[in-house]
Amino acid sequence: MEFVVQKAIDCGFNPIHAIQMATINVAEYFFLDGIIGGIAPGKYADIVIISDLKTIKAEYVISKGRIIAREGDLLVSPRKHTSSAQNLKSVHLSRVIEPVDFSIPVTKEVSQVNVRVIEQVTGLVTKELIVSVPVVDWEIRSDVSKDILKVAAIDRRFDPGKIFVGLIRGFA
């Protein structure tokens, strides 16, 4: 997040607004602002100490009242994450997902088509890209030689089984 917030500041965002976008705004979006996203009694908070609002470089990181990092050096081992058996069985889809669910069909007979592609700029930053891709057997396919891959999101909560399939570039 340090990189993302710094990038926002470098692009002209007010430093306070850039920090809010990575903290309280995210917590509010996910309805978690009652427990995270800010520093207040009863909230969980990791605190990052920086010396200059325009340069996001952590001097200290405090978690649960302990300094866990200083000047970029980790002072404690990361905690081990385990998932409960209930979490491992939390995906309930209305049907079996088939390979055809990941196809990107083209409805007219053409040899190439311009499509929107997610350009992976960094691990967290993306941008829209328009790319001309070939159509093979009435569908758009991945093209590893051009670093264009399929990406899919499957809704498991609000409309179980609804699939969104697109293209992404930047994984190399």
N, C-alpha and C. Protein backbone atom coordinates (compact mmCIF):
# COMPACT_ATOMS: atom_id res chain seq x y z
N MET A 1 0.82 -1.19 0.00
CA MET A 1 0.00 0.00 0.00
C MET A 1 0.86 1.26 0.00
N GLU A 2 2.05 1.14 0.57
CA GLU A 2 2.97 2.28 0.58
C GLU A 2 3.18 2.81 -0.84
N PHE A 3 3.42 1.90 -1.79
CA PHE A 3 3.66 2.29 -3.17
C PHE A 3 2.43 2.96 -3.77
N VAL A 4 1.25 2.38 -3.52
CA VAL A 4 0.02 2.90 -4.11
C VAL A 4 -0.28 4.30 -3.59
N VAL A 5 -0.16 4.50 -2.29
CA VAL A 5 -0.41 5.82 -1.71
C VAL A 5 0.61 6.83 -2.24
N GLN A 6 1.87 6.44 -2.31
CA GLN A 6 2.90 7.34 -2.83
C GLN A 6 2.61 7.69 -4.28
N LYS A 7 2.18 6.72 -5.07
CA LYS A 7 1.86 6.96 -6.48
C LYS A 7 0.72 7.97 -6.59
N ALA A 8 -0.29 7.85 -5.75
CA ALA A 8 -1.40 8.80 -5.77
C ALA A 8 -0.91 10.22 -5.45
N ILE A 9 -0.04 10.34 -4.47
CA ILE A 9 0.52 11.65 -4.12
C ILE A 9 1.35 12.19 -5.28
N ASP A 10 2.19 11.34 -5.87
CA ASP A 10 3.01 11.76 -7.01
C ASP A 10 2.16 12.21 -8.20
N CYS A 11 0.94 11.66 -8.30
CA CYS A 11 0.03 12.03 -9.40
C CYS A 11 -0.78 13.28 -9.07
N GLY A 12 -0.53 13.86 -7.89
CA GLY A 12 -1.18 15.13 -7.55
C GLY A 12 -2.28 15.07 -6.50
N PHE A 13 -2.56 13.89 -5.96
CA PHE A 13 -3.57 13.82 -4.91
C PHE A 13 -3.07 14.50 -3.63
N ASN A 14 -3.96 15.10 -2.92
CA ASN A 14 -3.65 15.63 -1.60
C ASN A 14 -3.22 14.44 -0.73
N PRO A 15 -2.10 14.54 0.00
CA PRO A 15 -1.61 13.40 0.79
C PRO A 15 -2.65 12.85 1.78
N ILE A 16 -3.41 13.71 2.41
CA ILE A 16 -4.43 13.23 3.36
C ILE A 16 -5.49 12.42 2.60
N HIS A 17 -5.92 12.90 1.44
CA HIS A 17 -6.91 12.16 0.66
C HIS A 17 -6.35 10.82 0.18
N ALA A 18 -5.09 10.80 -0.22
CA ALA A 18 -4.46 9.55 -0.67
C ALA A 18 -4.44 8.53 0.47
N ILE A 19 -4.12 8.97 1.66
CA ILE A 19 -4.10 8.07 2.82
C ILE A 19 -5.52 7.59 3.13
N GLN A 20 -6.49 8.50 3.05
CA GLN A 20 -7.88 8.12 3.30
C GLN A 20 -8.36 7.07 2.30
N MET A 21 -7.91 7.18 1.05
CA MET A 21 -8.33 6.20 0.03
C MET A 21 -7.85 4.80 0.37
N ALA A 22 -6.75 4.69 1.10
CA ALA A 22 -6.19 3.37 1.43
C ALA A 22 -6.63 2.89 2.82
N THR A 23 -7.32 3.74 3.56
CA THR A 23 -7.68 3.37 4.93
C THR A 23 -9.20 3.44 5.13
N ILE A 24 -9.68 4.59 5.54
CA ILE A 24 -11.10 4.71 5.91
C ILE A 24 -12.04 4.49 4.73
N ASN A 25 -11.68 4.94 3.52
CA ASN A 25 -12.57 4.74 2.38
C ASN A 25 -12.79 3.25 2.10
N VAL A 26 -11.74 2.47 2.18
CA VAL A 26 -11.85 1.02 1.95
C VAL A 26 -12.69 0.39 3.05
N ALA A 27 -12.44 0.78 4.28
CA ALA A 27 -13.21 0.24 5.41
C ALA A 27 -14.69 0.58 5.26
N GLU A 28 -15.00 1.81 4.86
CA GLU A 28 -16.40 2.20 4.66
C GLU A 28 -17.04 1.40 3.53
N TYR A 29 -16.31 1.23 2.43
CA TYR A 29 -16.85 0.50 1.29
C TYR A 29 -17.28 -0.91 1.68
N PHE A 30 -16.46 -1.58 2.51
CA PHE A 30 -16.75 -2.95 2.92
C PHE A 30 -17.53 -3.01 4.24
N PHE A 31 -18.07 -1.86 4.67
CA PHE A 31 -18.86 -1.77 5.90
C PHE A 31 -18.09 -2.26 7.13
N LEU A 32 -16.79 -1.98 7.15
CA LEU A 32 -15.94 -2.39 8.26
C LEU A 32 -15.44 -1.19 9.06
N ASP A 33 -15.95 0.01 8.75
CA ASP A 33 -15.43 1.22 9.38
C ASP A 33 -15.73 1.29 10.88
N GLY A 34 -16.58 0.41 11.40
CA GLY A 34 -16.81 0.37 12.84
C GLY A 34 -15.67 -0.29 13.59
N ILE A 35 -14.85 -1.08 12.86
CA ILE A 35 -13.77 -1.79 13.55
C ILE A 35 -12.38 -1.52 12.98
N ILE A 36 -12.28 -1.06 11.71
CA ILE A 36 -10.97 -0.76 11.12
C ILE A 36 -11.06 0.53 10.30
N GLY A 37 -9.94 1.00 9.81
CA GLY A 37 -9.92 2.14 8.91
C GLY A 37 -9.53 3.45 9.57
N GLY A 38 -9.45 3.45 10.87
CA GLY A 38 -9.07 4.67 11.58
C GLY A 38 -8.53 4.32 12.95
N ILE A 39 -8.08 5.33 13.64
CA ILE A 39 -7.53 5.12 14.98
C ILE A 39 -8.53 5.69 15.98
N ALA A 40 -9.14 4.80 16.76
CA ALA A 40 -10.15 5.20 17.74
C ALA A 40 -10.33 4.07 18.74
N PRO A 41 -10.84 4.38 19.94
CA PRO A 41 -11.09 3.32 20.93
C PRO A 41 -11.98 2.23 20.36
N GLY A 42 -11.58 0.97 20.56
CA GLY A 42 -12.36 -0.17 20.12
C GLY A 42 -12.08 -0.61 18.70
N LYS A 43 -11.25 0.12 17.96
CA LYS A 43 -10.92 -0.27 16.59
C LYS A 43 -9.58 -0.99 16.55
N TYR A 44 -9.48 -1.91 15.61
CA TYR A 44 -8.20 -2.54 15.33
C TYR A 44 -7.43 -1.58 14.43
N ALA A 45 -6.16 -1.37 14.74
CA ALA A 45 -5.40 -0.43 13.91
C ALA A 45 -3.93 -0.80 13.89
N ASP A 46 -3.38 -0.82 12.70
CA ASP A 46 -1.94 -0.84 12.53
C ASP A 46 -1.57 0.61 12.24
N ILE A 47 -0.53 1.07 12.87
CA ILE A 47 -0.14 2.48 12.74
C ILE A 47 1.20 2.55 12.04
N VAL A 48 1.28 3.39 11.02
CA VAL A 48 2.51 3.60 10.29
C VAL A 48 2.99 5.01 10.60
N ILE A 49 4.22 5.12 11.07
CA ILE A 49 4.80 6.42 11.39
C ILE A 49 5.65 6.87 10.20
N ILE A 50 5.31 8.05 9.66
CA ILE A 50 6.07 8.63 8.55
C ILE A 50 6.51 10.02 8.98
N SER A 51 7.62 10.50 8.44
CA SER A 51 8.13 11.81 8.86
C SER A 51 7.66 12.94 7.94
N ASP A 52 7.14 12.60 6.76
CA ASP A 52 6.75 13.62 5.80
C ASP A 52 5.52 13.14 5.05
N LEU A 53 4.46 13.93 5.06
CA LEU A 53 3.21 13.52 4.40
C LEU A 53 3.36 13.29 2.90
N LYS A 54 4.33 13.94 2.29
CA LYS A 54 4.49 13.79 0.84
C LYS A 54 5.40 12.64 0.46
N THR A 55 6.04 12.02 1.46
CA THR A 55 6.92 10.88 1.20
C THR A 55 6.46 9.73 2.09
N ILE A 56 5.75 8.79 1.51
CA ILE A 56 5.21 7.66 2.26
C ILE A 56 6.29 6.60 2.39
N LYS A 57 7.05 6.71 3.45
CA LYS A 57 8.11 5.75 3.75
C LYS A 57 8.01 5.46 5.24
N ALA A 58 7.62 4.24 5.56
CA ALA A 58 7.39 3.88 6.96
C ALA A 58 8.68 3.88 7.76
N GLU A 59 8.71 4.68 8.81
CA GLU A 59 9.83 4.63 9.75
C GLU A 59 9.58 3.56 10.80
N TYR A 60 8.32 3.48 11.24
CA TYR A 60 7.90 2.47 12.21
C TYR A 60 6.53 1.96 11.82
N VAL A 61 6.28 0.69 12.11
CA VAL A 61 4.95 0.12 11.98
C VAL A 61 4.60 -0.48 13.33
N ILE A 62 3.44 -0.08 13.85
CA ILE A 62 2.99 -0.54 15.17
C ILE A 62 1.73 -1.36 14.97
N SER A 63 1.70 -2.56 15.55
CA SER A 63 0.54 -3.43 15.49
C SER A 63 0.30 -4.03 16.86
N LYS A 64 -0.94 -3.94 17.33
CA LYS A 64 -1.30 -4.45 18.67
C LYS A 64 -0.39 -3.86 19.74
N GLY A 65 -0.04 -2.59 19.59
CA GLY A 65 0.76 -1.90 20.58
C GLY A 65 2.25 -2.20 20.55
N ARG A 66 2.72 -2.99 19.59
CA ARG A 66 4.13 -3.35 19.49
C ARG A 66 4.72 -2.82 18.20
N ILE A 67 5.96 -2.38 18.25
CA ILE A 67 6.66 -2.00 17.03
C ILE A 67 7.05 -3.30 16.33
N ILE A 68 6.52 -3.49 15.11
CA ILE A 68 6.79 -4.73 14.39
C ILE A 68 7.76 -4.52 13.22
N ALA A 69 7.99 -3.24 12.85
CA ALA A 69 8.95 -2.95 11.78
C ALA A 69 9.56 -1.58 12.04
N ARG A 70 10.86 -1.47 11.74
CA ARG A 70 11.58 -0.22 11.91
C ARG A 70 12.49 -0.01 10.71
N GLU A 71 12.34 1.14 10.04
CA GLU A 71 13.19 1.51 8.89
C GLU A 71 13.25 0.39 7.85
N GLY A 72 12.12 -0.27 7.61
CA GLY A 72 12.04 -1.30 6.58
C GLY A 72 12.43 -2.69 7.04
N ASP A 73 12.87 -2.83 8.29
CA ASP A 73 13.25 -4.14 8.81
C ASP A 73 12.13 -4.71 9.66
N LEU A 74 11.72 -5.96 9.35
CA LEU A 74 10.70 -6.65 10.12
C LEU A 74 11.31 -7.11 11.44
N LEU A 75 10.66 -6.78 12.55
CA LEU A 75 11.18 -7.12 13.88
C LEU A 75 10.52 -8.35 14.49
N VAL A 76 9.40 -8.79 13.91
CA VAL A 76 8.71 -9.99 14.40
C VAL A 76 8.39 -10.87 13.20
N SER A 77 8.23 -12.15 13.43
CA SER A 77 7.85 -13.06 12.35
C SER A 77 6.38 -12.85 11.99
N PRO A 78 6.05 -12.97 10.72
CA PRO A 78 4.64 -12.84 10.34
C PRO A 78 3.81 -13.93 11.00
N ARG A 79 2.58 -13.60 11.34
CA ARG A 79 1.72 -14.62 11.95
C ARG A 79 1.27 -15.61 10.88
N LYS A 80 1.11 -16.84 11.28
CA LYS A 80 0.66 -17.87 10.35
C LYS A 80 -0.84 -17.75 10.18
N HIS A 81 -1.29 -17.82 8.94
CA HIS A 81 -2.71 -17.73 8.65
C HIS A 81 -3.28 -19.12 8.45
N THR A 82 -4.39 -19.38 9.08
CA THR A 82 -5.08 -20.65 8.84
C THR A 82 -6.54 -20.33 8.53
N SER A 83 -7.11 -21.12 7.67
CA SER A 83 -8.51 -20.97 7.33
C SER A 83 -9.30 -22.04 8.05
N SER A 84 -10.46 -21.66 8.55
CA SER A 84 -11.31 -22.63 9.23
C SER A 84 -11.93 -23.57 8.20
N ALA A 85 -12.35 -24.73 8.67
CA ALA A 85 -13.01 -25.70 7.78
C ALA A 85 -14.26 -25.07 7.17
N GLN A 86 -14.94 -24.22 7.93
CA GLN A 86 -16.15 -23.56 7.43
C GLN A 86 -15.81 -22.64 6.25
N ASN A 87 -14.71 -21.90 6.34
CA ASN A 87 -14.30 -21.02 5.24
C ASN A 87 -13.93 -21.81 4.00
N LEU A 88 -13.31 -22.95 4.18
CA LEU A 88 -12.90 -23.77 3.05
C LEU A 88 -14.09 -24.37 2.32
N LYS A 89 -15.26 -24.34 2.95
CA LYS A 89 -16.48 -24.88 2.34
C LYS A 89 -17.51 -23.78 2.12
N SER A 90 -17.05 -22.55 1.85
CA SER A 90 -17.96 -21.42 1.76
C SER A 90 -18.42 -21.10 0.34
N VAL A 91 -17.95 -21.82 -0.65
CA VAL A 91 -18.36 -21.57 -2.02
C VAL A 91 -19.49 -22.54 -2.38
N HIS A 92 -20.67 -21.97 -2.65
CA HIS A 92 -21.83 -22.78 -3.01
C HIS A 92 -22.39 -22.23 -4.31
N LEU A 93 -22.11 -22.89 -5.41
CA LEU A 93 -22.58 -22.45 -6.71
C LEU A 93 -23.80 -23.26 -7.10
N SER A 94 -24.67 -22.66 -7.91
CA SER A 94 -25.92 -23.31 -8.30
C SER A 94 -25.72 -24.39 -9.36
N ARG A 95 -24.53 -24.44 -9.95
CA ARG A 95 -24.28 -25.43 -10.99
C ARG A 95 -22.78 -25.69 -11.08
N VAL A 96 -22.41 -26.74 -11.80
CA VAL A 96 -21.01 -27.06 -12.02
C VAL A 96 -20.48 -26.10 -13.10
N ILE A 97 -19.32 -25.53 -12.86
CA ILE A 97 -18.69 -24.62 -13.82
C ILE A 97 -17.98 -25.46 -14.87
N GLU A 98 -18.24 -25.16 -16.14
CA GLU A 98 -17.68 -25.91 -17.27
C GLU A 98 -16.65 -25.06 -18.02
N PRO A 99 -15.74 -25.67 -18.77
CA PRO A 99 -14.77 -24.89 -19.56
C PRO A 99 -15.42 -23.86 -20.47
N VAL A 100 -16.59 -24.19 -21.04
CA VAL A 100 -17.26 -23.26 -21.94
C VAL A 100 -17.65 -21.96 -21.22
N ASP A 101 -17.80 -22.01 -19.90
CA ASP A 101 -18.14 -20.81 -19.14
C ASP A 101 -17.05 -19.75 -19.21
N PHE A 102 -15.85 -20.16 -19.61
CA PHE A 102 -14.73 -19.22 -19.67
C PHE A 102 -14.44 -18.75 -21.10
N SER A 103 -15.33 -19.07 -22.03
CA SER A 103 -15.13 -18.61 -23.40
C SER A 103 -15.59 -17.16 -23.53
N ILE A 104 -15.00 -16.46 -24.49
CA ILE A 104 -15.40 -15.09 -24.79
C ILE A 104 -15.88 -15.11 -26.25
N PRO A 105 -17.19 -15.31 -26.45
CA PRO A 105 -17.71 -15.45 -27.81
C PRO A 105 -17.75 -14.12 -28.57
N VAL A 106 -17.64 -14.23 -29.89
CA VAL A 106 -17.78 -13.09 -30.80
C VAL A 106 -19.00 -13.38 -31.66
N THR A 107 -19.91 -12.42 -31.79
CA THR A 107 -21.19 -12.66 -32.45
C THR A 107 -21.20 -12.39 -33.95
N LYS A 108 -20.12 -11.84 -34.50
CA LYS A 108 -20.08 -11.62 -35.95
C LYS A 108 -18.81 -12.23 -36.52
N GLU A 109 -18.84 -12.55 -37.79
CA GLU A 109 -17.71 -13.20 -38.43
C GLU A 109 -16.64 -12.17 -38.78
N VAL A 110 -15.59 -12.13 -37.97
CA VAL A 110 -14.46 -11.23 -38.18
C VAL A 110 -13.19 -11.97 -37.83
N SER A 111 -12.07 -11.49 -38.34
CA SER A 111 -10.80 -12.15 -38.03
C SER A 111 -10.09 -11.50 -36.85
N GLN A 112 -10.43 -10.24 -36.56
CA GLN A 112 -9.83 -9.51 -35.43
C GLN A 112 -10.91 -8.63 -34.82
N VAL A 113 -10.72 -8.31 -33.57
CA VAL A 113 -11.65 -7.44 -32.87
C VAL A 113 -10.88 -6.62 -31.83
N ASN A 114 -11.29 -5.38 -31.64
CA ASN A 114 -10.69 -4.54 -30.59
C ASN A 114 -11.42 -4.81 -29.28
N VAL A 115 -10.66 -5.07 -28.23
CA VAL A 115 -11.26 -5.39 -26.94
C VAL A 115 -10.60 -4.60 -25.82
N ARG A 116 -11.33 -4.47 -24.73
CA ARG A 116 -10.78 -3.85 -23.53
C ARG A 116 -9.98 -4.90 -22.77
N VAL A 117 -8.80 -4.53 -22.34
CA VAL A 117 -7.92 -5.42 -21.60
C VAL A 117 -7.50 -4.71 -20.31
N ILE A 118 -7.43 -5.47 -19.24
CA ILE A 118 -6.90 -4.93 -17.99
C ILE A 118 -5.39 -4.93 -18.10
N GLU A 119 -4.76 -3.78 -18.02
CA GLU A 119 -3.30 -3.68 -18.05
C GLU A 119 -2.82 -3.68 -16.60
N GLN A 120 -2.09 -4.71 -16.21
CA GLN A 120 -1.57 -4.83 -14.85
C GLN A 120 -0.29 -4.00 -14.77
N VAL A 121 -0.40 -2.78 -14.23
CA VAL A 121 0.74 -1.87 -14.15
C VAL A 121 1.67 -2.29 -13.02
N THR A 122 1.10 -2.54 -11.84
CA THR A 122 1.85 -3.08 -10.70
C THR A 122 0.98 -4.16 -10.08
N GLY A 123 1.41 -4.69 -8.97
CA GLY A 123 0.62 -5.71 -8.28
C GLY A 123 -0.75 -5.22 -7.86
N LEU A 124 -0.91 -3.91 -7.68
CA LEU A 124 -2.18 -3.35 -7.24
C LEU A 124 -2.80 -2.35 -8.20
N VAL A 125 -2.05 -1.86 -9.14
CA VAL A 125 -2.53 -0.80 -10.02
C VAL A 125 -2.80 -1.36 -11.41
N THR A 126 -3.98 -1.04 -11.96
CA THR A 126 -4.34 -1.45 -13.30
C THR A 126 -4.84 -0.25 -14.09
N LYS A 127 -4.89 -0.42 -15.40
CA LYS A 127 -5.49 0.61 -16.25
C LYS A 127 -6.13 -0.09 -17.44
N GLU A 128 -7.02 0.63 -18.11
CA GLU A 128 -7.69 0.09 -19.27
C GLU A 128 -6.80 0.21 -20.50
N LEU A 129 -6.85 -0.81 -21.34
CA LEU A 129 -6.08 -0.84 -22.57
C LEU A 129 -6.99 -1.39 -23.66
N ILE A 130 -6.92 -0.82 -24.86
CA ILE A 130 -7.67 -1.36 -26.00
C ILE A 130 -6.67 -2.07 -26.91
N VAL A 131 -6.92 -3.35 -27.19
CA VAL A 131 -5.99 -4.17 -27.96
C VAL A 131 -6.76 -4.88 -29.06
N SER A 132 -6.14 -5.02 -30.22
CA SER A 132 -6.71 -5.79 -31.31
C SER A 132 -6.25 -7.24 -31.15
N VAL A 133 -7.23 -8.16 -31.08
CA VAL A 133 -6.90 -9.57 -30.88
C VAL A 133 -7.56 -10.40 -31.97
N PRO A 134 -6.98 -11.55 -32.30
CA PRO A 134 -7.59 -12.41 -33.33
C PRO A 134 -8.82 -13.13 -32.80
N VAL A 135 -9.72 -13.44 -33.69
CA VAL A 135 -10.90 -14.24 -33.38
C VAL A 135 -10.68 -15.62 -34.00
N VAL A 136 -10.79 -16.67 -33.20
CA VAL A 136 -10.58 -18.04 -33.66
C VAL A 136 -11.83 -18.84 -33.31
N ASP A 137 -12.45 -19.42 -34.34
CA ASP A 137 -13.66 -20.23 -34.12
C ASP A 137 -14.73 -19.48 -33.32
N TRP A 138 -14.97 -18.22 -33.70
CA TRP A 138 -16.02 -17.39 -33.10
C TRP A 138 -15.77 -17.04 -31.63
N GLU A 139 -14.50 -17.08 -31.20
CA GLU A 139 -14.23 -16.66 -29.82
C GLU A 139 -12.85 -16.02 -29.70
N ILE A 140 -12.71 -15.25 -28.63
CA ILE A 140 -11.43 -14.61 -28.29
C ILE A 140 -10.72 -15.55 -27.33
N ARG A 141 -9.46 -15.77 -27.60
CA ARG A 141 -8.68 -16.68 -26.76
C ARG A 141 -7.49 -15.96 -26.14
N SER A 142 -6.92 -16.58 -25.15
CA SER A 142 -5.68 -16.06 -24.56
C SER A 142 -4.58 -16.10 -25.61
N ASP A 143 -3.61 -15.19 -25.48
CA ASP A 143 -2.45 -15.18 -26.38
C ASP A 143 -1.21 -14.97 -25.52
N VAL A 144 -0.65 -16.08 -25.06
CA VAL A 144 0.49 -16.03 -24.15
C VAL A 144 1.67 -15.30 -24.78
N SER A 145 1.85 -15.43 -26.10
CA SER A 145 2.98 -14.77 -26.77
C SER A 145 2.90 -13.25 -26.67
N LYS A 146 1.67 -12.72 -26.49
CA LYS A 146 1.48 -11.27 -26.33
C LYS A 146 1.13 -10.92 -24.89
N ASP A 147 1.29 -11.89 -23.98
CA ASP A 147 1.01 -11.69 -22.56
C ASP A 147 -0.45 -11.29 -22.33
N ILE A 148 -1.37 -11.85 -23.12
CA ILE A 148 -2.79 -11.59 -22.94
C ILE A 148 -3.44 -12.89 -22.45
N LEU A 149 -3.94 -12.84 -21.23
CA LEU A 149 -4.52 -14.02 -20.60
C LEU A 149 -5.97 -13.76 -20.24
N LYS A 150 -6.72 -14.82 -20.05
CA LYS A 150 -8.09 -14.69 -19.57
C LYS A 150 -8.06 -14.55 -18.05
N VAL A 151 -9.02 -13.80 -17.55
CA VAL A 151 -9.20 -13.66 -16.12
C VAL A 151 -10.70 -13.78 -15.87
N ALA A 152 -11.07 -14.45 -14.79
CA ALA A 152 -12.49 -14.64 -14.51
C ALA A 152 -12.79 -14.35 -13.04
N ALA A 153 -13.97 -13.82 -12.81
CA ALA A 153 -14.49 -13.64 -11.46
C ALA A 153 -15.82 -14.37 -11.39
N ILE A 154 -15.98 -15.20 -10.38
CA ILE A 154 -17.21 -15.97 -10.22
C ILE A 154 -17.87 -15.51 -8.93
N ASP A 155 -19.09 -15.00 -9.06
CA ASP A 155 -19.83 -14.50 -7.90
C ASP A 155 -20.29 -15.69 -7.07
N ARG A 156 -19.92 -15.70 -5.81
CA ARG A 156 -20.33 -16.79 -4.94
C ARG A 156 -21.33 -16.34 -3.88
N ARG A 157 -21.70 -15.02 -3.89
CA ARG A 157 -22.58 -14.53 -2.84
C ARG A 157 -23.91 -13.98 -3.33
N PHE A 158 -23.90 -12.97 -4.20
CA PHE A 158 -25.12 -12.26 -4.54
C PHE A 158 -25.87 -12.89 -5.71
N ASP A 159 -25.17 -13.40 -6.66
CA ASP A 159 -25.76 -14.08 -7.82
C ASP A 159 -24.89 -15.30 -8.09
N PRO A 160 -24.95 -16.31 -7.21
CA PRO A 160 -24.02 -17.44 -7.28
C PRO A 160 -23.92 -18.05 -8.67
N GLY A 161 -22.69 -18.18 -9.13
CA GLY A 161 -22.43 -18.79 -10.42
C GLY A 161 -22.31 -17.81 -11.56
N LYS A 162 -22.68 -16.53 -11.34
CA LYS A 162 -22.53 -15.55 -12.41
C LYS A 162 -21.04 -15.34 -12.65
N ILE A 163 -20.65 -15.43 -13.92
CA ILE A 163 -19.23 -15.38 -14.26
C ILE A 163 -18.94 -14.17 -15.14
N PHE A 164 -17.88 -13.48 -14.82
CA PHE A 164 -17.38 -12.39 -15.63
C PHE A 164 -16.03 -12.83 -16.16
N VAL A 165 -15.86 -12.84 -17.47
CA VAL A 165 -14.60 -13.27 -18.08
C VAL A 165 -14.06 -12.11 -18.89
N GLY A 166 -12.77 -11.83 -18.75
CA GLY A 166 -12.14 -10.75 -19.49
C GLY A 166 -10.71 -11.12 -19.83
N LEU A 167 -9.97 -10.11 -20.23
CA LEU A 167 -8.57 -10.30 -20.60
C LEU A 167 -7.70 -9.40 -19.75
N ILE A 168 -6.50 -9.88 -19.45
CA ILE A 168 -5.55 -9.12 -18.65
C ILE A 168 -4.17 -9.27 -19.27
N ARG A 169 -3.39 -8.21 -19.17
CA ARG A 169 -2.00 -8.24 -19.67
C ARG A 169 -1.10 -7.67 -18.59
N GLY A 170 0.07 -8.27 -18.45
CA GLY A 170 1.03 -7.75 -17.49
C GLY A 170 1.58 -8.78 -16.52
N PHE A 171 1.20 -10.03 -16.66
CA PHE A 171 1.72 -11.08 -15.78
C PHE A 171 3.05 -11.63 -16.26
N ALA A 172 3.41 -11.31 -17.51
CA ALA A 172 4.67 -11.78 -18.12
C ALA A 172 4.75 -13.29 -18.10
